[in-house]
Amino acid sequence: MTDKFKKQDRPGRAYLKRLLSERNQHPERIAHIDEALRDAFQCKVAILILDMSGFSRLTEQYGIIHFLAMIHQMEQGARPAVTGNGGHVLKQEADNLFAIFDHPAQALEAALDIFRAFEAMNTVLPDERDIYGCIGIGYGDTLVIGDDDLFGAEVNAACKLGEDCAAPTEILLTPAAYLALPQDRYLCTPDTFAMGSRKLDCYRYRQRLL
């Protein structure tokens, strides 16, 4: 991970709230404050969002403590895959994990390593503790807040793909993430999902070519 992602180089939530408060109180200065916000927080990153599969079913069947233990195992498998591919885990919320990378290829390789880690764990776990996940990957200008949060259109799209569209063990990429991949390294096929009155275009990872 490059120096631009080091915690000490990124302002945190307190500075964000201060600028947003100034923006709300001084509409005549919106352009200047927005520029300050972009300078402080915006960087171009690849976003990986992992959503565990089966939350409602497993919680209903085995209880929330059982699933909390599975979430802990998920993190143990996913975090090394992220850092091993040059990424940084920003946060974990419930059964979701959010990570950032310099490039989409790193995020995709991390996603593949995550699923390999889950597969290896599942060979030694009882069936009721098998771990599966769905992953969405985005790429673009993102507001990265300190060491614990992020906001942006590609974040929203990756969330939708990982949480609402991808099937277990599936990786879906936004068009921006797909177009930034080395085109001779991965096979992905286009797809579209209806999200209410909107359509969400994406690419479904199929296989590595090299």
N, C-alpha and C. Protein backbone atom coordinates (compact mmCIF):
# COMPACT_ATOMS: atom_id res chain seq x y z
N MET A 1 0.84 -1.18 0.00
CA MET A 1 0.00 0.00 0.00
C MET A 1 0.89 1.24 0.00
N THR A 2 0.58 2.21 -0.82
CA THR A 2 1.40 3.40 -0.92
C THR A 2 1.21 4.30 0.28
N ASP A 3 2.11 5.29 0.41
CA ASP A 3 2.08 6.17 1.57
C ASP A 3 0.79 6.95 1.69
N LYS A 4 0.08 7.17 0.58
CA LYS A 4 -1.14 7.99 0.66
C LYS A 4 -2.22 7.33 1.50
N PHE A 5 -2.09 6.03 1.80
CA PHE A 5 -3.09 5.35 2.60
C PHE A 5 -2.68 5.21 4.07
N LYS A 6 -1.53 5.73 4.43
CA LYS A 6 -1.12 5.62 5.83
C LYS A 6 -2.01 6.51 6.69
N LYS A 7 -2.38 5.99 7.86
CA LYS A 7 -3.31 6.68 8.74
C LYS A 7 -2.86 8.10 9.06
N GLN A 8 -1.56 8.29 9.33
CA GLN A 8 -1.10 9.59 9.76
C GLN A 8 -1.21 10.63 8.64
N ASP A 9 -1.38 10.20 7.41
CA ASP A 9 -1.49 11.13 6.29
C ASP A 9 -2.93 11.50 5.99
N ARG A 10 -3.90 10.90 6.68
CA ARG A 10 -5.31 11.16 6.38
C ARG A 10 -6.00 11.83 7.56
N PRO A 11 -6.61 13.00 7.34
CA PRO A 11 -7.39 13.60 8.42
C PRO A 11 -8.55 12.69 8.80
N GLY A 12 -9.05 12.88 10.02
CA GLY A 12 -10.10 12.01 10.52
C GLY A 12 -11.47 12.64 10.51
N ARG A 13 -12.38 11.99 11.23
CA ARG A 13 -13.78 12.39 11.23
C ARG A 13 -14.01 13.77 11.86
N ALA A 14 -13.20 14.14 12.84
CA ALA A 14 -13.39 15.45 13.47
C ALA A 14 -13.18 16.57 12.47
N TYR A 15 -12.15 16.44 11.64
CA TYR A 15 -11.89 17.48 10.62
C TYR A 15 -12.99 17.47 9.57
N LEU A 16 -13.48 16.31 9.20
CA LEU A 16 -14.59 16.21 8.26
C LEU A 16 -15.82 16.94 8.80
N LYS A 17 -16.17 16.68 10.05
CA LYS A 17 -17.34 17.32 10.65
C LYS A 17 -17.18 18.83 10.72
N ARG A 18 -15.96 19.28 10.99
CA ARG A 18 -15.73 20.72 11.06
C ARG A 18 -15.96 21.38 9.71
N LEU A 19 -15.44 20.77 8.66
CA LEU A 19 -15.63 21.34 7.33
C LEU A 19 -17.10 21.26 6.90
N LEU A 20 -17.76 20.17 7.20
CA LEU A 20 -19.17 20.06 6.84
C LEU A 20 -20.02 21.08 7.59
N SER A 21 -19.68 21.32 8.85
CA SER A 21 -20.40 22.34 9.61
C SER A 21 -20.20 23.71 8.99
N GLU A 22 -18.98 24.03 8.60
CA GLU A 22 -18.71 25.31 7.93
C GLU A 22 -19.48 25.40 6.61
N ARG A 23 -19.56 24.29 5.90
CA ARG A 23 -20.28 24.27 4.62
C ARG A 23 -21.76 24.57 4.83
N ASN A 24 -22.35 23.99 5.88
CA ASN A 24 -23.76 24.22 6.15
C ASN A 24 -24.03 25.65 6.62
N GLN A 25 -23.09 26.23 7.33
CA GLN A 25 -23.29 27.56 7.88
C GLN A 25 -22.93 28.68 6.92
N HIS A 26 -22.11 28.37 5.93
CA HIS A 26 -21.64 29.41 5.01
C HIS A 26 -21.81 28.95 3.56
N PRO A 27 -23.04 28.96 3.06
CA PRO A 27 -23.28 28.50 1.68
C PRO A 27 -22.51 29.31 0.64
N GLU A 28 -22.15 30.54 0.97
CA GLU A 28 -21.39 31.36 0.02
C GLU A 28 -19.97 30.84 -0.17
N ARG A 29 -19.53 29.93 0.72
CA ARG A 29 -18.16 29.40 0.66
C ARG A 29 -18.14 27.93 0.24
N ILE A 30 -19.24 27.43 -0.30
CA ILE A 30 -19.33 25.99 -0.61
C ILE A 30 -18.22 25.54 -1.55
N ALA A 31 -17.97 26.29 -2.61
CA ALA A 31 -16.95 25.88 -3.58
C ALA A 31 -15.58 25.76 -2.91
N HIS A 32 -15.24 26.72 -2.08
CA HIS A 32 -13.94 26.71 -1.39
C HIS A 32 -13.86 25.55 -0.42
N ILE A 33 -14.94 25.31 0.34
CA ILE A 33 -14.93 24.23 1.33
C ILE A 33 -14.91 22.87 0.65
N ASP A 34 -15.63 22.74 -0.45
CA ASP A 34 -15.61 21.46 -1.18
C ASP A 34 -14.21 21.16 -1.69
N GLU A 35 -13.50 22.18 -2.12
CA GLU A 35 -12.13 21.98 -2.57
C GLU A 35 -11.25 21.52 -1.42
N ALA A 36 -11.48 22.11 -0.24
CA ALA A 36 -10.71 21.70 0.93
C ALA A 36 -11.03 20.26 1.32
N LEU A 37 -12.29 19.87 1.20
CA LEU A 37 -12.69 18.49 1.48
C LEU A 37 -12.00 17.52 0.53
N ARG A 38 -12.02 17.84 -0.75
CA ARG A 38 -11.38 16.95 -1.73
C ARG A 38 -9.88 16.86 -1.49
N ASP A 39 -9.25 18.01 -1.19
CA ASP A 39 -7.81 18.00 -0.93
C ASP A 39 -7.47 17.14 0.28
N ALA A 40 -8.33 17.18 1.29
CA ALA A 40 -8.04 16.48 2.53
C ALA A 40 -8.32 14.99 2.45
N PHE A 41 -9.38 14.62 1.76
CA PHE A 41 -9.87 13.24 1.87
C PHE A 41 -9.90 12.44 0.57
N GLN A 42 -9.96 13.09 -0.56
CA GLN A 42 -10.22 12.35 -1.80
C GLN A 42 -8.97 11.71 -2.36
N CYS A 43 -9.09 10.45 -2.73
CA CYS A 43 -8.04 9.76 -3.47
C CYS A 43 -8.69 8.69 -4.33
N LYS A 44 -8.00 8.29 -5.35
CA LYS A 44 -8.52 7.27 -6.27
C LYS A 44 -8.10 5.90 -5.77
N VAL A 45 -9.08 5.10 -5.39
CA VAL A 45 -8.78 3.79 -4.82
C VAL A 45 -9.70 2.73 -5.41
N ALA A 46 -9.25 1.50 -5.29
CA ALA A 46 -10.12 0.36 -5.55
C ALA A 46 -10.74 -0.04 -4.22
N ILE A 47 -12.03 -0.34 -4.25
CA ILE A 47 -12.79 -0.66 -3.05
C ILE A 47 -13.25 -2.11 -3.12
N LEU A 48 -12.97 -2.87 -2.09
CA LEU A 48 -13.48 -4.24 -1.98
C LEU A 48 -14.46 -4.29 -0.81
N ILE A 49 -15.66 -4.78 -1.08
CA ILE A 49 -16.66 -4.91 -0.03
C ILE A 49 -17.13 -6.36 0.00
N LEU A 50 -16.89 -6.99 1.14
CA LEU A 50 -17.24 -8.40 1.35
C LEU A 50 -18.48 -8.49 2.22
N ASP A 51 -19.43 -9.27 1.79
CA ASP A 51 -20.64 -9.52 2.57
C ASP A 51 -20.75 -11.03 2.80
N MET A 52 -20.87 -11.44 4.06
CA MET A 52 -21.03 -12.86 4.35
C MET A 52 -22.42 -13.34 3.92
N SER A 53 -22.49 -14.58 3.51
CA SER A 53 -23.75 -15.16 3.06
C SER A 53 -24.46 -15.87 4.21
N GLY A 54 -25.79 -15.81 4.19
CA GLY A 54 -26.59 -16.62 5.09
C GLY A 54 -26.82 -16.06 6.47
N PHE A 55 -26.69 -14.73 6.65
CA PHE A 55 -26.82 -14.14 7.98
C PHE A 55 -28.16 -14.50 8.63
N SER A 56 -29.26 -14.22 7.94
CA SER A 56 -30.58 -14.43 8.55
C SER A 56 -30.83 -15.90 8.84
N ARG A 57 -30.49 -16.77 7.88
CA ARG A 57 -30.75 -18.18 8.05
C ARG A 57 -29.94 -18.76 9.20
N LEU A 58 -28.65 -18.44 9.24
CA LEU A 58 -27.79 -19.01 10.28
C LEU A 58 -28.12 -18.46 11.66
N THR A 59 -28.47 -17.16 11.72
CA THR A 59 -28.82 -16.57 13.01
C THR A 59 -30.10 -17.19 13.55
N GLU A 60 -31.06 -17.38 12.66
CA GLU A 60 -32.33 -17.99 13.08
C GLU A 60 -32.12 -19.43 13.53
N GLN A 61 -31.23 -20.15 12.84
CA GLN A 61 -31.05 -21.57 13.12
C GLN A 61 -30.15 -21.82 14.33
N TYR A 62 -29.06 -21.03 14.45
CA TYR A 62 -28.07 -21.33 15.48
C TYR A 62 -27.90 -20.22 16.52
N GLY A 63 -28.49 -19.05 16.29
CA GLY A 63 -28.36 -17.96 17.25
C GLY A 63 -27.28 -16.97 16.86
N ILE A 64 -27.37 -15.77 17.41
CA ILE A 64 -26.48 -14.68 17.02
C ILE A 64 -25.05 -14.92 17.48
N ILE A 65 -24.84 -15.58 18.64
CA ILE A 65 -23.48 -15.81 19.11
C ILE A 65 -22.73 -16.71 18.14
N HIS A 66 -23.42 -17.72 17.62
CA HIS A 66 -22.82 -18.61 16.62
C HIS A 66 -22.36 -17.80 15.41
N PHE A 67 -23.21 -16.88 14.96
CA PHE A 67 -22.84 -16.12 13.77
C PHE A 67 -21.76 -15.09 14.07
N LEU A 68 -21.75 -14.53 15.28
CA LEU A 68 -20.67 -13.62 15.65
C LEU A 68 -19.32 -14.33 15.63
N ALA A 69 -19.31 -15.58 16.06
CA ALA A 69 -18.07 -16.36 16.01
C ALA A 69 -17.65 -16.59 14.56
N MET A 70 -18.62 -16.79 13.67
CA MET A 70 -18.30 -16.95 12.25
C MET A 70 -17.76 -15.66 11.66
N ILE A 71 -18.29 -14.52 12.08
CA ILE A 71 -17.78 -13.24 11.61
C ILE A 71 -16.32 -13.08 12.01
N HIS A 72 -15.99 -13.49 13.22
CA HIS A 72 -14.60 -13.44 13.67
C HIS A 72 -13.72 -14.32 12.80
N GLN A 73 -14.20 -15.51 12.45
CA GLN A 73 -13.43 -16.39 11.57
C GLN A 73 -13.30 -15.78 10.18
N MET A 74 -14.37 -15.14 9.70
CA MET A 74 -14.31 -14.47 8.41
C MET A 74 -13.18 -13.45 8.37
N GLU A 75 -13.10 -12.63 9.41
CA GLU A 75 -12.05 -11.61 9.46
C GLU A 75 -10.67 -12.25 9.50
N GLN A 76 -10.53 -13.35 10.23
CA GLN A 76 -9.24 -14.03 10.31
C GLN A 76 -8.79 -14.54 8.95
N GLY A 77 -9.76 -14.93 8.10
CA GLY A 77 -9.41 -15.39 6.77
C GLY A 77 -9.23 -14.26 5.78
N ALA A 78 -10.04 -13.20 5.91
CA ALA A 78 -10.04 -12.13 4.92
C ALA A 78 -8.93 -11.12 5.11
N ARG A 79 -8.64 -10.75 6.34
CA ARG A 79 -7.68 -9.67 6.57
C ARG A 79 -6.28 -9.99 6.00
N PRO A 80 -5.72 -11.19 6.23
CA PRO A 80 -4.41 -11.48 5.63
C PRO A 80 -4.44 -11.45 4.11
N ALA A 81 -5.55 -11.84 3.51
CA ALA A 81 -5.65 -11.80 2.05
C ALA A 81 -5.63 -10.36 1.54
N VAL A 82 -6.25 -9.46 2.30
CA VAL A 82 -6.25 -8.04 1.92
C VAL A 82 -4.84 -7.46 2.03
N THR A 83 -4.23 -7.61 3.20
CA THR A 83 -2.91 -7.01 3.41
C THR A 83 -1.85 -7.68 2.53
N GLY A 84 -2.02 -8.97 2.26
CA GLY A 84 -1.07 -9.66 1.41
C GLY A 84 -1.09 -9.20 -0.02
N ASN A 85 -2.15 -8.53 -0.43
CA ASN A 85 -2.25 -7.99 -1.79
C ASN A 85 -2.15 -6.46 -1.81
N GLY A 86 -1.53 -5.91 -0.76
CA GLY A 86 -1.27 -4.47 -0.74
C GLY A 86 -2.44 -3.62 -0.32
N GLY A 87 -3.46 -4.23 0.27
CA GLY A 87 -4.64 -3.48 0.66
C GLY A 87 -4.66 -3.14 2.14
N HIS A 88 -5.69 -2.43 2.51
CA HIS A 88 -5.87 -2.01 3.90
C HIS A 88 -7.33 -2.15 4.28
N VAL A 89 -7.60 -2.89 5.35
CA VAL A 89 -8.97 -3.00 5.85
C VAL A 89 -9.33 -1.72 6.58
N LEU A 90 -10.35 -1.01 6.08
CA LEU A 90 -10.77 0.24 6.71
C LEU A 90 -11.72 -0.01 7.87
N LYS A 91 -12.67 -0.91 7.67
CA LYS A 91 -13.62 -1.16 8.74
C LYS A 91 -14.33 -2.49 8.52
N GLN A 92 -14.96 -2.94 9.59
CA GLN A 92 -15.82 -4.12 9.53
C GLN A 92 -17.11 -3.76 10.24
N GLU A 93 -18.22 -3.89 9.54
CA GLU A 93 -19.52 -3.60 10.11
C GLU A 93 -20.39 -4.84 10.00
N ALA A 94 -20.81 -5.36 11.15
CA ALA A 94 -21.61 -6.59 11.18
C ALA A 94 -20.87 -7.65 10.37
N ASP A 95 -21.52 -8.19 9.32
CA ASP A 95 -20.86 -9.24 8.54
C ASP A 95 -20.26 -8.69 7.25
N ASN A 96 -19.98 -7.39 7.19
CA ASN A 96 -19.36 -6.76 6.03
C ASN A 96 -17.94 -6.31 6.35
N LEU A 97 -17.06 -6.44 5.36
CA LEU A 97 -15.69 -5.97 5.50
C LEU A 97 -15.39 -5.02 4.34
N PHE A 98 -14.77 -3.87 4.66
CA PHE A 98 -14.47 -2.83 3.67
C PHE A 98 -12.96 -2.64 3.59
N ALA A 99 -12.41 -2.73 2.39
CA ALA A 99 -10.97 -2.58 2.21
C ALA A 99 -10.68 -1.71 0.98
N ILE A 100 -9.51 -1.06 0.99
CA ILE A 100 -9.10 -0.23 -0.14
C ILE A 100 -7.73 -0.69 -0.65
N PHE A 101 -7.52 -0.43 -1.95
CA PHE A 101 -6.29 -0.80 -2.64
C PHE A 101 -5.92 0.31 -3.62
N ASP A 102 -4.68 0.27 -4.08
CA ASP A 102 -4.28 1.20 -5.13
C ASP A 102 -4.99 0.90 -6.45
N HIS A 103 -5.08 -0.39 -6.81
CA HIS A 103 -5.57 -0.77 -8.13
C HIS A 103 -6.59 -1.91 -8.04
N PRO A 104 -7.54 -1.96 -8.97
CA PRO A 104 -8.53 -3.03 -8.97
C PRO A 104 -7.94 -4.43 -9.08
N ALA A 105 -6.82 -4.60 -9.78
CA ALA A 105 -6.22 -5.93 -9.88
C ALA A 105 -5.82 -6.45 -8.50
N GLN A 106 -5.33 -5.56 -7.63
CA GLN A 106 -4.99 -5.98 -6.27
C GLN A 106 -6.25 -6.40 -5.52
N ALA A 107 -7.32 -5.64 -5.70
CA ALA A 107 -8.58 -5.98 -5.02
C ALA A 107 -9.11 -7.31 -5.51
N LEU A 108 -9.02 -7.56 -6.81
CA LEU A 108 -9.51 -8.82 -7.35
C LEU A 108 -8.67 -10.00 -6.87
N GLU A 109 -7.35 -9.84 -6.85
CA GLU A 109 -6.50 -10.91 -6.34
C GLU A 109 -6.79 -11.17 -4.86
N ALA A 110 -7.05 -10.10 -4.10
CA ALA A 110 -7.40 -10.27 -2.70
C ALA A 110 -8.71 -11.03 -2.56
N ALA A 111 -9.69 -10.70 -3.42
CA ALA A 111 -10.97 -11.40 -3.38
C ALA A 111 -10.78 -12.89 -3.64
N LEU A 112 -9.96 -13.22 -4.62
CA LEU A 112 -9.70 -14.63 -4.92
C LEU A 112 -9.00 -15.32 -3.75
N ASP A 113 -8.07 -14.62 -3.11
CA ASP A 113 -7.38 -15.20 -1.95
C ASP A 113 -8.33 -15.36 -0.77
N ILE A 114 -9.26 -14.43 -0.61
CA ILE A 114 -10.25 -14.54 0.46
C ILE A 114 -11.07 -15.81 0.28
N PHE A 115 -11.54 -16.03 -0.93
CA PHE A 115 -12.36 -17.22 -1.16
C PHE A 115 -11.54 -18.50 -1.02
N ARG A 116 -10.27 -18.45 -1.39
CA ARG A 116 -9.42 -19.62 -1.17
C ARG A 116 -9.23 -19.88 0.33
N ALA A 117 -9.08 -18.81 1.09
CA ALA A 117 -8.94 -18.96 2.54
C ALA A 117 -10.21 -19.55 3.14
N PHE A 118 -11.37 -19.07 2.70
CA PHE A 118 -12.63 -19.62 3.21
C PHE A 118 -12.75 -21.10 2.85
N GLU A 119 -12.38 -21.45 1.63
CA GLU A 119 -12.47 -22.85 1.19
C GLU A 119 -11.59 -23.73 2.06
N ALA A 120 -10.38 -23.24 2.36
CA ALA A 120 -9.47 -24.03 3.21
C ALA A 120 -10.04 -24.17 4.63
N MET A 121 -10.61 -23.10 5.15
CA MET A 121 -11.20 -23.15 6.48
C MET A 121 -12.38 -24.12 6.51
N ASN A 122 -13.18 -24.11 5.44
CA ASN A 122 -14.37 -24.96 5.42
C ASN A 122 -14.04 -26.45 5.39
N THR A 123 -12.83 -26.80 4.95
CA THR A 123 -12.47 -28.21 4.92
C THR A 123 -12.29 -28.78 6.33
N VAL A 124 -12.04 -27.91 7.31
CA VAL A 124 -11.82 -28.40 8.67
C VAL A 124 -12.93 -27.95 9.63
N LEU A 125 -13.89 -27.18 9.14
CA LEU A 125 -14.99 -26.72 9.99
C LEU A 125 -16.20 -27.64 9.83
N PRO A 126 -17.02 -27.77 10.85
CA PRO A 126 -18.30 -28.48 10.68
C PRO A 126 -19.19 -27.70 9.72
N ASP A 127 -20.11 -28.40 9.08
CA ASP A 127 -20.93 -27.79 8.04
C ASP A 127 -21.64 -26.53 8.51
N GLU A 128 -22.10 -26.52 9.76
CA GLU A 128 -22.87 -25.37 10.24
C GLU A 128 -21.99 -24.14 10.45
N ARG A 129 -20.67 -24.29 10.32
CA ARG A 129 -19.76 -23.14 10.47
C ARG A 129 -19.04 -22.81 9.17
N ASP A 130 -19.44 -23.42 8.07
CA ASP A 130 -18.84 -23.08 6.77
C ASP A 130 -19.07 -21.61 6.46
N ILE A 131 -18.03 -20.96 5.93
CA ILE A 131 -18.06 -19.53 5.65
C ILE A 131 -18.09 -19.30 4.15
N TYR A 132 -19.03 -18.48 3.70
CA TYR A 132 -19.14 -18.08 2.30
C TYR A 132 -19.36 -16.58 2.25
N GLY A 133 -18.94 -15.98 1.15
CA GLY A 133 -19.10 -14.54 1.01
C GLY A 133 -19.38 -14.14 -0.41
N CYS A 134 -19.83 -12.90 -0.56
CA CYS A 134 -20.06 -12.27 -1.85
C CYS A 134 -19.22 -10.99 -1.86
N ILE A 135 -18.65 -10.65 -3.01
CA ILE A 135 -17.73 -9.51 -3.05
C ILE A 135 -18.09 -8.58 -4.21
N GLY A 136 -18.12 -7.28 -3.90
CA GLY A 136 -18.25 -6.24 -4.91
C GLY A 136 -16.98 -5.41 -4.93
N ILE A 137 -16.54 -5.02 -6.12
CA ILE A 137 -15.31 -4.23 -6.28
C ILE A 137 -15.62 -2.99 -7.12
N GLY A 138 -15.22 -1.83 -6.62
CA GLY A 138 -15.35 -0.56 -7.34
C GLY A 138 -14.01 0.12 -7.49
N TYR A 139 -13.98 1.22 -8.25
CA TYR A 139 -12.73 1.95 -8.45
C TYR A 139 -13.04 3.38 -8.86
N GLY A 140 -12.51 4.33 -8.11
CA GLY A 140 -12.72 5.72 -8.47
C GLY A 140 -12.42 6.65 -7.33
N ASP A 141 -12.67 7.94 -7.56
CA ASP A 141 -12.43 8.95 -6.53
C ASP A 141 -13.32 8.68 -5.32
N THR A 142 -12.69 8.63 -4.16
CA THR A 142 -13.37 8.24 -2.93
C THR A 142 -12.89 9.13 -1.79
N LEU A 143 -13.80 9.50 -0.92
CA LEU A 143 -13.41 10.22 0.30
C LEU A 143 -13.06 9.18 1.36
N VAL A 144 -11.79 9.11 1.70
CA VAL A 144 -11.30 8.17 2.71
C VAL A 144 -11.10 8.94 4.00
N ILE A 145 -11.87 8.58 5.02
CA ILE A 145 -11.90 9.34 6.27
C ILE A 145 -11.04 8.63 7.32
N GLY A 146 -9.90 9.24 7.64
CA GLY A 146 -9.02 8.65 8.64
C GLY A 146 -8.71 7.21 8.32
N ASP A 147 -8.90 6.37 9.31
CA ASP A 147 -8.57 4.95 9.15
C ASP A 147 -9.79 4.07 9.30
N ASP A 148 -11.01 4.69 9.14
CA ASP A 148 -12.17 3.89 9.48
C ASP A 148 -13.42 4.10 8.63
N ASP A 149 -13.36 4.92 7.57
CA ASP A 149 -14.59 5.09 6.80
C ASP A 149 -14.27 5.58 5.40
N LEU A 150 -15.25 5.48 4.52
CA LEU A 150 -15.09 5.91 3.14
C LEU A 150 -16.46 6.19 2.52
N PHE A 151 -16.47 7.13 1.57
CA PHE A 151 -17.71 7.52 0.91
C PHE A 151 -17.42 7.79 -0.57
N GLY A 152 -18.39 7.46 -1.43
CA GLY A 152 -18.25 7.75 -2.85
C GLY A 152 -19.19 6.92 -3.69
N ALA A 153 -19.37 7.34 -4.92
CA ALA A 153 -20.28 6.63 -5.82
C ALA A 153 -19.84 5.20 -6.05
N GLU A 154 -18.53 4.98 -6.18
CA GLU A 154 -18.05 3.62 -6.41
C GLU A 154 -18.17 2.76 -5.15
N VAL A 155 -18.12 3.40 -3.99
CA VAL A 155 -18.37 2.67 -2.74
C VAL A 155 -19.81 2.18 -2.73
N ASN A 156 -20.74 3.07 -3.09
CA ASN A 156 -22.16 2.69 -3.11
C ASN A 156 -22.40 1.55 -4.10
N ALA A 157 -21.79 1.65 -5.28
CA ALA A 157 -21.99 0.62 -6.29
C ALA A 157 -21.41 -0.71 -5.84
N ALA A 158 -20.21 -0.68 -5.26
CA ALA A 158 -19.59 -1.92 -4.78
C ALA A 158 -20.42 -2.55 -3.67
N CYS A 159 -21.00 -1.70 -2.80
CA CYS A 159 -21.89 -2.22 -1.75
C CYS A 159 -23.08 -2.94 -2.36
N LYS A 160 -23.71 -2.31 -3.33
CA LYS A 160 -24.88 -2.93 -3.97
C LYS A 160 -24.50 -4.26 -4.60
N LEU A 161 -23.37 -4.29 -5.29
CA LEU A 161 -22.95 -5.52 -5.95
C LEU A 161 -22.63 -6.61 -4.95
N GLY A 162 -21.90 -6.27 -3.89
CA GLY A 162 -21.51 -7.28 -2.92
C GLY A 162 -22.65 -7.76 -2.05
N GLU A 163 -23.53 -6.83 -1.65
CA GLU A 163 -24.57 -7.18 -0.69
C GLU A 163 -25.86 -7.66 -1.34
N ASP A 164 -26.21 -7.09 -2.50
CA ASP A 164 -27.53 -7.35 -3.08
C ASP A 164 -27.52 -8.18 -4.36
N CYS A 165 -26.40 -8.19 -5.06
CA CYS A 165 -26.39 -8.79 -6.40
C CYS A 165 -25.58 -10.08 -6.50
N ALA A 166 -24.43 -10.12 -5.88
CA ALA A 166 -23.53 -11.27 -6.03
C ALA A 166 -24.08 -12.49 -5.29
N ALA A 167 -23.90 -13.64 -5.90
CA ALA A 167 -24.21 -14.91 -5.25
C ALA A 167 -23.02 -15.34 -4.39
N PRO A 168 -23.20 -16.30 -3.49
CA PRO A 168 -22.07 -16.78 -2.69
C PRO A 168 -20.90 -17.20 -3.56
N THR A 169 -19.70 -16.81 -3.14
CA THR A 169 -18.41 -17.05 -3.81
C THR A 169 -18.31 -16.32 -5.15
N GLU A 170 -19.11 -15.30 -5.36
CA GLU A 170 -19.09 -14.57 -6.62
C GLU A 170 -18.45 -13.20 -6.43
N ILE A 171 -17.75 -12.75 -7.46
CA ILE A 171 -17.10 -11.44 -7.46
C ILE A 171 -17.69 -10.62 -8.60
N LEU A 172 -18.27 -9.46 -8.29
CA LEU A 172 -18.81 -8.55 -9.28
C LEU A 172 -18.04 -7.23 -9.22
N LEU A 173 -17.73 -6.69 -10.39
CA LEU A 173 -16.97 -5.45 -10.48
C LEU A 173 -17.79 -4.37 -11.17
N THR A 174 -17.62 -3.12 -10.73
CA THR A 174 -18.23 -2.01 -11.45
C THR A 174 -17.53 -1.86 -12.80
N PRO A 175 -18.17 -1.21 -13.78
CA PRO A 175 -17.50 -0.98 -15.06
C PRO A 175 -16.16 -0.25 -14.90
N ALA A 176 -16.09 0.72 -13.98
CA ALA A 176 -14.83 1.44 -13.78
C ALA A 176 -13.73 0.52 -13.28
N ALA A 177 -14.07 -0.38 -12.37
CA ALA A 177 -13.08 -1.32 -11.86
C ALA A 177 -12.64 -2.30 -12.95
N TYR A 178 -13.60 -2.79 -13.72
CA TYR A 178 -13.28 -3.74 -14.78
C TYR A 178 -12.37 -3.10 -15.83
N LEU A 179 -12.68 -1.89 -16.25
CA LEU A 179 -11.91 -1.23 -17.31
C LEU A 179 -10.48 -0.92 -16.87
N ALA A 180 -10.24 -0.85 -15.57
CA ALA A 180 -8.89 -0.57 -15.08
C ALA A 180 -8.06 -1.84 -14.89
N LEU A 181 -8.66 -3.00 -15.09
CA LEU A 181 -7.91 -4.26 -14.97
C LEU A 181 -7.03 -4.47 -16.21
N PRO A 182 -5.91 -5.18 -16.07
CA PRO A 182 -5.17 -5.61 -17.26
C PRO A 182 -6.08 -6.51 -18.10
N GLN A 183 -6.36 -6.11 -19.31
CA GLN A 183 -7.39 -6.78 -20.11
C GLN A 183 -6.99 -8.16 -20.60
N ASP A 184 -5.71 -8.50 -20.49
CA ASP A 184 -5.28 -9.83 -20.93
C ASP A 184 -5.08 -10.80 -19.76
N ARG A 185 -5.48 -10.38 -18.56
CA ARG A 185 -5.21 -11.21 -17.38
C ARG A 185 -6.46 -11.90 -16.83
N TYR A 186 -7.63 -11.30 -17.00
CA TYR A 186 -8.85 -11.82 -16.38
C TYR A 186 -9.98 -11.89 -17.40
N LEU A 187 -10.79 -12.92 -17.27
CA LEU A 187 -12.00 -13.03 -18.06
C LEU A 187 -13.19 -12.63 -17.19
N CYS A 188 -13.91 -11.60 -17.65
CA CYS A 188 -15.11 -11.14 -16.96
C CYS A 188 -16.20 -10.95 -18.01
N THR A 189 -17.43 -11.18 -17.62
CA THR A 189 -18.55 -11.03 -18.55
C THR A 189 -19.51 -9.97 -18.03
N PRO A 190 -20.09 -9.16 -18.94
CA PRO A 190 -20.99 -8.09 -18.50
C PRO A 190 -22.32 -8.63 -18.00
N ASP A 191 -22.93 -7.89 -17.09
CA ASP A 191 -24.24 -8.23 -16.57
C ASP A 191 -24.93 -6.95 -16.12
N THR A 192 -26.22 -7.01 -15.93
CA THR A 192 -27.00 -5.86 -15.48
C THR A 192 -28.04 -6.32 -14.47
N PHE A 193 -28.18 -5.57 -13.40
CA PHE A 193 -29.17 -5.87 -12.37
C PHE A 193 -30.16 -4.71 -12.28
N ALA A 194 -31.43 -5.05 -12.13
CA ALA A 194 -32.46 -4.04 -11.91
C ALA A 194 -32.51 -3.70 -10.44
N MET A 195 -32.33 -2.41 -10.12
CA MET A 195 -32.38 -1.94 -8.74
C MET A 195 -33.50 -0.91 -8.64
N GLY A 196 -34.73 -1.40 -8.48
CA GLY A 196 -35.88 -0.50 -8.51
C GLY A 196 -36.06 0.06 -9.91
N SER A 197 -36.05 1.37 -10.02
CA SER A 197 -36.20 2.02 -11.33
C SER A 197 -34.86 2.19 -12.04
N ARG A 198 -33.77 1.81 -11.38
CA ARG A 198 -32.44 1.97 -11.96
C ARG A 198 -31.88 0.63 -12.39
N LYS A 199 -30.90 0.70 -13.28
CA LYS A 199 -30.16 -0.48 -13.68
C LYS A 199 -28.71 -0.33 -13.25
N LEU A 200 -28.16 -1.41 -12.74
CA LEU A 200 -26.77 -1.40 -12.27
C LEU A 200 -25.95 -2.32 -13.17
N ASP A 201 -25.10 -1.72 -13.99
CA ASP A 201 -24.22 -2.49 -14.87
C ASP A 201 -23.00 -2.97 -14.09
N CYS A 202 -22.52 -4.14 -14.44
CA CYS A 202 -21.35 -4.68 -13.76
C CYS A 202 -20.68 -5.72 -14.64
N TYR A 203 -19.58 -6.26 -14.11
CA TYR A 203 -18.88 -7.36 -14.77
C TYR A 203 -18.68 -8.48 -13.75
N ARG A 204 -18.96 -9.68 -14.19
CA ARG A 204 -18.85 -10.87 -13.35
C ARG A 204 -17.51 -11.56 -13.62
N TYR A 205 -16.69 -11.70 -12.57
CA TYR A 205 -15.41 -12.39 -12.73
C TYR A 205 -15.65 -13.86 -13.06
N ARG A 206 -14.92 -14.34 -14.07
CA ARG A 206 -15.04 -15.74 -14.48
C ARG A 206 -13.78 -16.54 -14.18
N GLN A 207 -12.62 -16.05 -14.66
CA GLN A 207 -11.39 -16.81 -14.43
C GLN A 207 -10.18 -15.94 -14.74
N ARG A 208 -9.04 -16.40 -14.22
CA ARG A 208 -7.78 -15.74 -14.55
C ARG A 208 -7.25 -16.34 -15.85
N LEU A 209 -6.74 -15.50 -16.74
CA LEU A 209 -6.26 -15.98 -18.02
C LEU A 209 -4.75 -16.26 -17.98
N LEU A 210 -4.03 -15.61 -17.12
CA LEU A 210 -2.58 -15.80 -17.04
C LEU A 210 -2.20 -16.40 -15.70
